Amino acid sequence: MPLPHTPTAPHFTTADAPGALPLLGHTLAFLRRPYAFVAGLAAHGDLVRLRLGPLEAYVVCHPELVRTLLTDDRTFDKGGVILDKAREVMGQGLATCPAAAHRRQRRMLQPAFQRGRLPGYAALMSEEIDATTAPWSEGDVIDVPAAMYRLTTAVTARCLFAAHERAGELPVHRCMDEISRGVARRMMLPLPGVDRLPTPGNLRFRHARRDMTEVTRRLIADYRADGTDHHDLLSMLLGALDENGRGLTDPEIHDQVVTFLLAGMETTAATLSWAWTLLAANPAVRERLHSELDTVLDGRRARHEDLPHLPLTARVVSETLRLYPVAWLLSRTVTTGTELAGRHLPAGTTLLFSPHLLHRRADLYPCPDRFDPDRWLTITRPAPGTYLPFGLGARRCIGDAFGTAEACLALATIASRWTLTPTPGRPVRPARRASMTPRPFTATLARRVR
């Protein structure tokens, strides 16, 4: 199979998305079938204009244009109505801050994610994966997304707050689950004033955000008073210094903690949940995966040093991220008037791009809807703009190796011991959220005999 490539394009096409309604624009079509609606825009052009109520935006559908968008972060900065909703929670954290602040933050935080620290984090991950799945029993019926969310919450909290004796039991699970739902509602319906209404969902969101602020405030105060480097992420945040010798303030550390929690918990939980459905629907791949795990692990939990010997496990994770990229729709704002695809875009223009759309293009991935981990045997380095589960350029996710290791360790440890069979009768569908997470579904646990 050839490498995914961007087709030669002497010129790019622009268009208006069809079907706009008066006042509402494309809002109803987007809310009813968001994933299909966005993926279908590529059929109309390489740069497609749409309207979501009063918001006008352009969806960038061609990988070459997306590469331009993501590698020129001064012209196409983080921003837009959708991202502004995420900033209500993440503040000016690494994932949401503008380019002017990003360079300082990235330099300060990069040491926490150096490759040399990954084995230490992986050891904590393996322990929490073991502990979280220990109560499972033969024949149990579990809510898979909820179980994976509990697992990744415990792992992320342990890596963030290793000094806390019961880090996995901190109330971050309840807080972050409600915060995640609140962010999703705001990003999917970015209409002015809606998030200020006293609805039950908005009230739960405000309470969860307040409680999370108090949790991080207490933890930061405890760490500062202790003064010990616990070799976890919070210790790294407290010890980080910029080129002028200045550290992060407590509000800045809070924003980074919430950013890492949201990214570390939801992204990996969704990836693992989708992986179980894909493996159940493809028993031949699952049997090959079991064979690999039996050979390498022989029933014990996976460790960091096992990862190079689990190539199929890694390909399953890569293919799951292709089919179900959690950050499926992202935005940028034009900072100064520019041209893209031959169209002049004034400052303030909102641009959207979708890894989901790009990953399902048949000209980039033959049979794009098919789960085929072996396509990654020949795809060693996808062309920029064709595979974006972790972004691209200077804003590429700083924790990509961290998240990939966590997903591989969890998938390997669980699949070596258990078979998860989704309850028949209803196909698993993506929830209509800002992140591509599956709707709740159950599966029956069967202990594997090697």
Protein backbone atom coordinates (compact mmCIF):
# COMPACT_ATOMS: atom_id res chain seq x y z
CA MET A 1 0.00 0.00 0.00
CA PRO A 2 1.45 3.42 -0.92
CA LEU A 3 1.94 6.11 1.69
CA PRO A 4 -0.99 8.47 2.12
CA HIS A 5 -0.18 11.42 -0.07
CA THR A 6 -1.72 14.71 -0.95
CA PRO A 7 -2.88 14.67 -4.56
CA THR A 8 -1.30 17.14 -6.94
CA ALA A 9 -3.58 20.15 -7.14
CA PRO A 10 -2.83 22.96 -9.61
CA HIS A 11 -5.53 24.98 -7.92
CA PHE A 12 -7.92 24.61 -5.00
CA THR A 13 -11.68 24.91 -5.17
CA THR A 14 -13.92 26.97 -2.91
CA ALA A 15 -17.66 26.68 -2.39
CA ASP A 16 -20.57 27.47 -0.11
CA ALA A 17 -22.07 24.51 1.73
CA PRO A 18 -25.52 23.80 0.27
CA GLY A 19 -28.75 23.68 2.25
CA ALA A 20 -28.45 26.79 4.42
CA LEU A 21 -31.70 27.84 6.14
CA PRO A 22 -32.71 31.43 6.88
CA LEU A 23 -31.20 32.63 10.18
CA LEU A 24 -30.14 29.12 11.22
CA GLY A 25 -27.82 28.46 8.31
CA HIS A 26 -26.47 24.91 8.62
CA THR A 27 -27.06 24.61 12.37
CA LEU A 28 -29.79 21.96 12.19
CA ALA A 29 -27.89 19.78 9.71
CA PHE A 30 -24.78 20.04 11.87
CA LEU A 31 -26.59 19.18 15.11
CA ARG A 32 -28.51 16.27 13.61
CA ARG A 33 -25.58 14.49 11.96
CA PRO A 34 -22.39 16.39 12.85
CA TYR A 35 -19.84 13.78 11.72
CA ALA A 36 -21.51 12.93 8.42
CA PHE A 37 -22.25 16.59 7.72
CA VAL A 38 -18.64 17.69 8.20
CA ALA A 39 -17.15 14.69 6.36
CA GLY A 40 -19.44 15.37 3.40
CA LEU A 41 -18.19 18.93 2.93
CA ALA A 42 -15.08 17.71 1.09
CA ALA A 43 -17.30 16.74 -1.84
CA HIS A 44 -18.16 20.41 -2.39
CA GLY A 45 -14.68 21.93 -2.38
CA ASP A 46 -11.32 22.32 -0.71
CA LEU A 47 -12.42 25.38 1.27
CA VAL A 48 -16.13 25.41 2.10
CA ARG A 49 -18.05 28.26 3.71
CA LEU A 50 -20.87 27.49 6.12
CA ARG A 51 -23.03 29.29 8.67
CA LEU A 52 -23.92 28.15 12.19
CA GLY A 53 -26.53 30.69 13.20
CA PRO A 54 -24.74 34.05 13.21
CA LEU A 55 -21.31 32.43 12.94
CA GLU A 56 -19.75 32.24 9.49
CA ALA A 57 -16.81 29.89 9.14
CA TYR A 58 -14.73 28.17 6.47
CA VAL A 59 -14.04 24.44 6.69
CA VAL A 60 -10.60 23.50 5.33
CA CYS A 61 -11.03 20.15 3.58
CA HIS A 62 -7.76 19.59 1.70
CA PRO A 63 -4.66 18.20 3.50
CA GLU A 64 -2.29 20.67 1.84
CA LEU A 65 -4.40 23.57 3.05
CA VAL A 66 -4.62 22.03 6.51
CA ARG A 67 -0.83 21.73 6.59
CA THR A 68 -0.58 25.45 5.77
CA LEU A 69 -3.09 26.20 8.50
CA LEU A 70 -1.22 24.24 11.18
CA THR A 71 2.34 25.22 10.33
CA ASP A 72 1.72 28.98 10.25
CA ASP A 73 0.40 29.56 13.74
CA ARG A 74 1.06 33.30 13.61
CA THR A 75 -1.35 33.85 10.73
CA PHE A 76 -3.76 31.09 11.79
CA ASP A 77 -3.81 31.31 15.57
CA LYS A 78 -5.78 29.34 18.12
CA GLY A 79 -9.11 31.07 18.47
CA GLY A 80 -12.64 31.34 17.24
CA VAL A 81 -16.02 31.02 18.92
CA ILE A 82 -15.66 27.26 19.39
CA LEU A 83 -12.25 27.48 21.05
CA ASP A 84 -13.38 30.39 23.21
CA LYS A 85 -15.86 28.00 24.83
CA ALA A 86 -13.04 25.58 25.69
CA ARG A 87 -11.07 28.47 27.19
CA GLU A 88 -13.82 28.91 29.78
CA VAL A 89 -12.42 25.75 31.38
CA MET A 90 -8.82 25.39 30.21
CA GLY A 91 -8.10 29.11 30.51
CA GLN A 92 -4.77 29.87 28.89
CA GLY A 93 -3.43 26.32 29.13
CA LEU A 94 -1.11 24.84 26.53
CA ALA A 95 -3.93 23.57 24.32
CA THR A 96 -5.90 26.81 24.17
CA CYS A 97 -3.44 29.70 24.65
CA PRO A 98 -2.59 31.97 21.69
CA ALA A 99 0.68 31.58 19.79
CA ALA A 100 2.33 34.47 21.65
CA ALA A 101 2.00 32.58 24.96
CA HIS A 102 2.43 29.11 23.53
CA ARG A 103 6.15 29.30 22.83
CA ARG A 104 6.97 30.21 26.45
CA GLN A 105 4.67 27.51 27.84
CA ARG A 106 5.92 24.84 25.46
CA ARG A 107 9.56 25.43 26.39
CA MET A 108 8.72 25.33 30.09
CA LEU A 109 6.62 22.17 29.92
CA GLN A 110 8.62 20.16 27.38
CA PRO A 111 10.96 18.63 30.01
CA ALA A 112 7.96 16.97 31.66
CA PHE A 113 7.32 15.02 28.44
CA GLN A 114 10.85 14.11 27.46
CA ARG A 115 11.26 10.51 26.29
CA GLY A 116 13.47 9.76 29.27
CA ARG A 117 10.57 10.36 31.67
CA LEU A 118 8.18 8.03 29.86
CA PRO A 119 9.35 4.79 31.57
CA GLY A 120 8.59 6.33 34.98
CA TYR A 121 5.13 7.42 33.89
CA ALA A 122 4.54 4.03 32.26
CA ALA A 123 5.30 2.25 35.54
CA LEU A 124 2.57 4.30 37.25
CA MET A 125 0.23 3.64 34.33
CA SER A 126 0.74 -0.13 34.56
CA GLU A 127 0.05 -0.15 38.29
CA GLU A 128 -3.19 1.82 37.92
CA ILE A 129 -4.37 -0.29 34.96
CA ASP A 130 -3.83 -3.39 37.09
CA ALA A 131 -5.57 -1.93 40.12
CA THR A 132 -8.55 -0.55 38.21
CA THR A 133 -9.30 -3.83 36.40
CA ALA A 134 -8.57 -6.11 39.39
CA PRO A 135 -12.23 -6.21 40.57
CA TRP A 136 -13.46 -7.48 37.20
CA SER A 137 -14.99 -10.97 37.22
CA GLU A 138 -16.03 -13.56 34.67
CA GLY A 139 -19.43 -12.74 33.19
CA ASP A 140 -19.55 -9.16 34.45
CA VAL A 141 -21.42 -6.74 32.22
CA ILE A 142 -19.69 -3.37 32.22
CA ASP A 143 -20.44 0.04 30.76
CA VAL A 144 -17.35 0.18 28.57
CA PRO A 145 -16.91 3.96 28.09
CA ALA A 146 -17.52 4.52 31.81
CA ALA A 147 -15.02 1.82 32.75
CA MET A 148 -12.38 3.19 30.40
CA TYR A 149 -12.99 6.69 31.74
CA ARG A 150 -12.48 5.49 35.32
CA LEU A 151 -9.28 3.77 34.24
CA THR A 152 -7.80 6.77 32.43
CA THR A 153 -8.87 9.09 35.25
CA ALA A 154 -6.92 6.97 37.72
CA VAL A 155 -3.89 6.82 35.43
CA THR A 156 -3.84 10.56 34.66
CA ALA A 157 -4.41 11.57 38.28
CA ARG A 158 -1.62 9.23 39.41
CA CYS A 159 0.85 10.67 36.88
CA LEU A 160 -0.14 14.22 37.80
CA PHE A 161 -0.29 13.82 41.58
CA ALA A 162 1.92 10.85 42.46
CA ALA A 163 2.62 12.31 45.91
CA HIS A 164 -1.04 11.98 46.85
CA GLU A 165 -1.46 8.57 48.46
CA ARG A 166 -4.84 7.97 46.84
CA ALA A 167 -4.52 10.08 43.72
CA GLY A 168 -6.90 7.87 41.77
CA GLU A 169 -9.64 8.56 44.33
CA LEU A 170 -9.48 12.35 44.15
CA PRO A 171 -12.83 13.85 43.07
CA VAL A 172 -11.41 14.71 39.66
CA HIS A 173 -13.46 11.96 37.99
CA ARG A 174 -16.79 13.51 38.94
CA CYS A 175 -15.59 17.07 38.32
CA MET A 176 -13.92 16.43 34.98
CA ASP A 177 -16.76 14.29 33.65
CA GLU A 178 -19.23 17.13 34.20
CA ILE A 179 -16.75 19.73 32.96
CA SER A 180 -16.17 17.70 29.80
CA ARG A 181 -19.91 17.50 29.16
CA GLY A 182 -20.26 21.23 29.73
CA VAL A 183 -17.45 22.07 27.33
CA ALA A 184 -19.01 19.77 24.74
CA ARG A 185 -22.38 21.51 24.99
CA ARG A 186 -20.77 24.92 24.60
CA MET A 187 -18.56 23.94 21.67
CA MET A 188 -21.32 22.14 19.76
CA LEU A 189 -23.75 25.05 20.15
CA PRO A 190 -21.60 28.20 20.38
CA LEU A 191 -24.53 30.62 20.51
CA PRO A 192 -24.24 33.72 22.69
CA GLY A 193 -25.97 33.61 26.06
CA VAL A 194 -26.95 29.92 26.01
CA ASP A 195 -24.27 28.93 28.55
CA ARG A 196 -25.47 31.59 31.00
CA LEU A 197 -28.99 30.20 31.31
CA PRO A 198 -29.72 28.58 34.73
CA THR A 199 -30.30 25.12 33.25
CA PRO A 200 -29.48 21.99 35.29
CA GLY A 201 -26.55 21.23 32.98
CA ASN A 202 -25.11 24.72 33.29
CA LEU A 203 -25.48 24.65 37.09
CA ARG A 204 -23.72 21.26 37.32
CA PHE A 205 -20.95 22.60 35.09
CA ARG A 206 -20.42 25.67 37.30
CA HIS A 207 -20.35 23.58 40.48
CA ALA A 208 -17.88 21.09 38.96
CA ARG A 209 -15.61 23.87 37.74
CA ARG A 210 -15.66 25.48 41.18
CA ASP A 211 -14.89 22.15 42.90
CA MET A 212 -12.05 21.39 40.46
CA THR A 213 -10.53 24.79 41.13
CA GLU A 214 -10.57 24.06 44.85
CA VAL A 215 -9.00 20.60 44.38
CA THR A 216 -6.11 21.98 42.33
CA ARG A 217 -5.67 24.94 44.72
CA ARG A 218 -5.23 22.57 47.68
CA LEU A 219 -2.88 20.27 45.79
CA ILE A 220 -0.69 23.14 44.59
CA ALA A 221 -0.53 24.54 48.13
CA ASP A 222 0.39 21.10 49.56
CA TYR A 223 3.14 20.57 46.97
CA ARG A 224 4.57 24.03 47.50
CA ALA A 225 4.62 23.50 51.27
CA ASP A 226 6.25 20.07 50.90
CA GLY A 227 8.93 21.33 48.51
CA THR A 228 9.82 17.81 47.29
CA ASP A 229 10.20 16.81 43.64
CA HIS A 230 7.95 13.76 43.34
CA HIS A 231 8.88 13.25 39.67
CA ASP A 232 5.27 13.68 38.62
CA LEU A 233 3.67 16.24 36.34
CA LEU A 234 2.62 18.62 39.11
CA SER A 235 6.18 18.71 40.48
CA MET A 236 7.41 19.51 36.97
CA LEU A 237 4.87 22.32 36.62
CA LEU A 238 5.92 23.81 39.95
CA GLY A 239 9.60 23.63 39.02
CA ALA A 240 9.33 24.88 35.44
CA LEU A 241 11.16 28.13 34.66
CA ASP A 242 11.20 30.28 31.54
CA GLU A 243 14.28 31.88 29.99
CA ASN A 244 14.00 34.77 32.47
CA GLY A 245 13.91 32.46 35.47
CA ARG A 246 10.20 33.00 36.11
CA GLY A 247 7.97 30.11 37.06
CA LEU A 248 4.28 29.50 36.43
CA THR A 249 1.77 31.25 38.67
CA ASP A 250 -0.83 29.20 40.56
CA PRO A 251 -3.62 30.15 38.09
CA GLU A 252 -1.34 29.14 35.19
CA ILE A 253 -0.61 25.79 36.87
CA HIS A 254 -4.33 25.27 37.41
CA ASP A 255 -5.00 25.82 33.70
CA GLN A 256 -2.29 23.31 32.77
CA VAL A 257 -3.61 20.71 35.24
CA VAL A 258 -7.14 20.97 33.84
CA THR A 259 -5.76 20.81 30.28
CA PHE A 260 -3.73 17.67 31.03
CA LEU A 261 -6.67 16.04 32.84
CA LEU A 262 -9.11 16.67 30.00
CA ALA A 263 -6.65 15.53 27.34
CA GLY A 264 -5.33 12.56 29.29
CA MET A 265 -8.65 11.22 30.48
CA GLU A 266 -11.11 11.66 27.67
CA THR A 267 -8.84 11.07 24.69
CA THR A 268 -7.43 7.73 25.85
CA ALA A 269 -10.75 6.54 27.29
CA ALA A 270 -12.52 7.14 23.98
CA THR A 271 -9.72 5.48 22.00
CA LEU A 272 -9.85 2.36 24.16
CA SER A 273 -13.65 2.22 24.01
CA TRP A 274 -13.62 2.37 20.22
CA ALA A 275 -10.83 -0.23 20.07
CA TRP A 276 -12.97 -2.81 21.91
CA THR A 277 -15.83 -2.35 19.42
CA LEU A 278 -13.49 -2.62 16.43
CA LEU A 279 -11.79 -5.75 17.75
CA ALA A 280 -15.13 -7.39 18.52
CA ALA A 281 -16.27 -6.71 14.96
CA ASN A 282 -13.02 -8.06 13.50
CA PRO A 283 -12.31 -11.40 15.23
CA ALA A 284 -9.40 -12.27 12.92
CA VAL A 285 -7.51 -9.17 14.04
CA ARG A 286 -8.44 -9.87 17.64
CA GLU A 287 -7.06 -13.41 17.44
CA ARG A 288 -3.78 -12.12 16.02
CA LEU A 289 -3.63 -9.55 18.79
CA HIS A 290 -4.20 -12.24 21.41
CA SER A 291 -1.40 -14.32 19.90
CA GLU A 292 1.00 -11.38 20.10
CA LEU A 293 0.05 -10.67 23.70
CA ASP A 294 0.30 -14.32 24.77
CA THR A 295 3.78 -14.51 23.31
CA VAL A 296 5.08 -11.29 24.87
CA LEU A 297 3.15 -10.97 28.13
CA ASP A 298 1.98 -14.48 29.04
CA GLY A 299 -0.76 -13.03 31.25
CA ARG A 300 1.23 -10.41 33.18
CA ARG A 301 0.58 -6.70 32.89
CA ALA A 302 2.28 -4.80 30.07
CA ARG A 303 5.31 -2.68 30.90
CA HIS A 304 7.13 0.07 29.08
CA GLU A 305 9.89 -2.26 27.92
CA ASP A 306 7.27 -4.46 26.21
CA LEU A 307 6.05 -1.72 23.85
CA PRO A 308 8.70 -2.28 21.12
CA HIS A 309 7.63 -5.95 21.03
CA LEU A 310 3.91 -5.20 20.54
CA PRO A 311 3.74 -3.86 16.97
CA LEU A 312 0.21 -5.08 16.23
CA THR A 313 -1.02 -3.50 19.47
CA ALA A 314 0.45 -0.20 18.32
CA ARG A 315 -1.12 -0.54 14.87
CA VAL A 316 -4.54 -1.22 16.41
CA VAL A 317 -4.21 2.02 18.38
CA SER A 318 -3.08 3.95 15.29
CA GLU A 319 -5.97 2.64 13.20
CA THR A 320 -8.48 3.35 15.96
CA LEU A 321 -7.24 6.94 16.12
CA ARG A 322 -7.59 7.20 12.34
CA LEU A 323 -11.19 6.02 12.35
CA TYR A 324 -12.20 7.85 15.53
CA PRO A 325 -9.95 10.87 16.17
CA VAL A 326 -11.19 12.23 19.47
CA ALA A 327 -10.45 15.87 18.62
CA TRP A 328 -12.47 15.63 15.43
CA LEU A 329 -13.28 19.31 14.78
CA LEU A 330 -10.92 22.18 15.62
CA SER A 331 -10.74 25.89 14.89
CA ARG A 332 -8.29 28.65 14.06
CA THR A 333 -8.66 32.42 13.68
CA VAL A 334 -7.03 34.54 10.98
CA THR A 335 -4.88 37.15 12.74
CA THR A 336 -4.10 39.29 9.72
CA GLY A 337 -5.64 39.44 6.28
CA THR A 338 -4.38 36.57 4.13
CA GLU A 339 -5.23 34.34 1.20
CA LEU A 340 -6.10 30.65 1.36
CA ALA A 341 -7.17 28.54 -1.62
CA GLY A 342 -7.29 31.73 -3.69
CA ARG A 343 -9.83 33.39 -1.39
CA HIS A 344 -9.05 36.50 0.63
CA LEU A 345 -9.73 35.99 4.33
CA PRO A 346 -9.88 39.13 6.50
CA ALA A 347 -8.55 39.19 10.06
CA GLY A 348 -11.01 37.56 12.45
CA THR A 349 -12.20 34.90 10.01
CA THR A 350 -12.97 31.58 11.71
CA LEU A 351 -11.50 28.47 10.07
CA LEU A 352 -12.44 24.91 10.96
CA PHE A 353 -10.64 21.68 10.09
CA SER A 354 -11.55 18.09 10.83
CA PRO A 355 -9.15 15.15 11.28
CA HIS A 356 -12.25 12.95 10.91
CA LEU A 357 -12.88 14.37 7.44
CA LEU A 358 -9.25 13.93 6.37
CA HIS A 359 -8.94 10.40 7.78
CA ARG A 360 -11.99 9.27 5.80
CA ARG A 361 -10.83 10.56 2.41
CA ALA A 362 -10.60 7.64 -0.02
CA ASP A 363 -7.81 9.34 -1.98
CA LEU A 364 -5.65 9.24 1.15
CA TYR A 365 -6.75 5.92 2.69
CA PRO A 366 -8.10 3.19 0.41
CA CYS A 367 -11.33 1.71 1.81
CA PRO A 368 -11.28 4.44 4.47
CA ASP A 369 -14.17 3.05 6.52
CA ARG A 370 -12.51 -0.35 6.95
CA PHE A 371 -10.65 -1.21 10.15
CA ASP A 372 -7.29 -2.35 8.81
CA PRO A 373 -4.37 -2.10 11.27
CA ASP A 374 -2.07 -3.61 8.65
CA ARG A 375 -2.29 -0.48 6.50
CA TRP A 376 0.25 0.92 8.99
CA LEU A 377 2.82 -1.67 7.95
CA THR A 378 3.57 0.50 4.93
CA ILE A 379 2.51 3.89 6.26
CA THR A 380 5.57 4.78 8.28
CA ARG A 381 5.43 8.54 7.88
CA PRO A 382 2.09 9.95 6.68
CA ALA A 383 2.34 13.11 4.63
CA PRO A 384 1.72 16.25 6.71
CA GLY A 385 -1.97 17.01 6.91
CA THR A 386 -3.16 13.46 6.25
CA TYR A 387 -3.08 11.96 9.79
CA LEU A 388 -3.87 14.32 12.65
CA PRO A 389 -4.91 12.57 15.88
CA PHE A 390 -2.35 14.72 17.72
CA GLY A 391 -2.24 17.76 15.44
CA LEU A 392 0.74 19.09 13.51
CA GLY A 393 3.46 21.71 13.72
CA ALA A 394 4.34 23.75 16.77
CA ARG A 395 0.92 23.02 18.30
CA ARG A 396 1.23 19.25 18.02
CA CYS A 397 0.05 17.64 21.25
CA ILE A 398 2.91 17.68 23.76
CA GLY A 399 1.65 14.45 25.32
CA ASP A 400 1.34 12.35 22.15
CA ALA A 401 3.91 9.76 23.29
CA PHE A 402 2.39 9.74 26.79
CA GLY A 403 -1.13 9.10 25.48
CA THR A 404 -0.03 6.50 22.94
CA ALA A 405 1.92 4.59 25.59
CA GLU A 406 -1.05 4.66 27.96
CA ALA A 407 -3.44 3.37 25.29
CA CYS A 408 -1.05 0.58 24.24
CA LEU A 409 -0.37 -0.51 27.84
CA ALA A 410 -4.06 -0.57 28.72
CA LEU A 411 -5.10 -2.35 25.53
CA ALA A 412 -2.33 -4.95 25.90
CA THR A 413 -2.91 -5.64 29.60
CA ILE A 414 -6.68 -5.94 29.32
CA ALA A 415 -6.78 -7.86 26.01
CA SER A 416 -4.22 -10.36 27.30
CA ARG A 417 -6.61 -11.30 30.14
CA TRP A 418 -10.12 -10.49 28.96
CA THR A 419 -12.37 -10.63 25.92
CA LEU A 420 -14.95 -7.85 25.82
CA THR A 421 -18.07 -8.75 23.85
CA PRO A 422 -20.41 -5.79 23.26
CA THR A 423 -24.05 -6.47 24.05
CA PRO A 424 -25.79 -7.23 20.73
CA GLY A 425 -28.83 -5.38 19.50
CA ARG A 426 -27.69 -1.82 19.04
CA PRO A 427 -24.67 -0.58 17.09
CA VAL A 428 -22.25 1.69 18.90
CA ARG A 429 -22.47 5.24 17.60
CA PRO A 430 -20.48 8.39 18.34
CA ALA A 431 -22.10 10.74 20.81
CA ARG A 432 -22.90 14.19 19.46
CA ARG A 433 -20.17 15.93 21.38
CA ALA A 434 -17.17 18.14 20.76
CA SER A 435 -15.00 15.03 21.17
CA MET A 436 -15.64 11.82 19.24
CA THR A 437 -16.59 9.62 22.17
CA PRO A 438 -18.92 6.63 21.85
CA ARG A 439 -22.38 6.61 23.33
CA PRO A 440 -22.68 4.40 26.42
CA PHE A 441 -22.63 0.69 25.59
CA THR A 442 -22.17 -2.48 27.59
CA ALA A 443 -19.98 -5.53 27.10
CA THR A 444 -19.66 -8.89 28.80
CA LEU A 445 -16.31 -9.89 30.25
CA ALA A 446 -14.88 -13.34 29.52
CA ARG A 447 -11.58 -14.36 31.03
CA ARG A 448 -9.16 -15.56 28.40
CA VAL A 449 -7.50 -18.94 28.57
CA ARG A 450 -4.07 -18.82 26.95
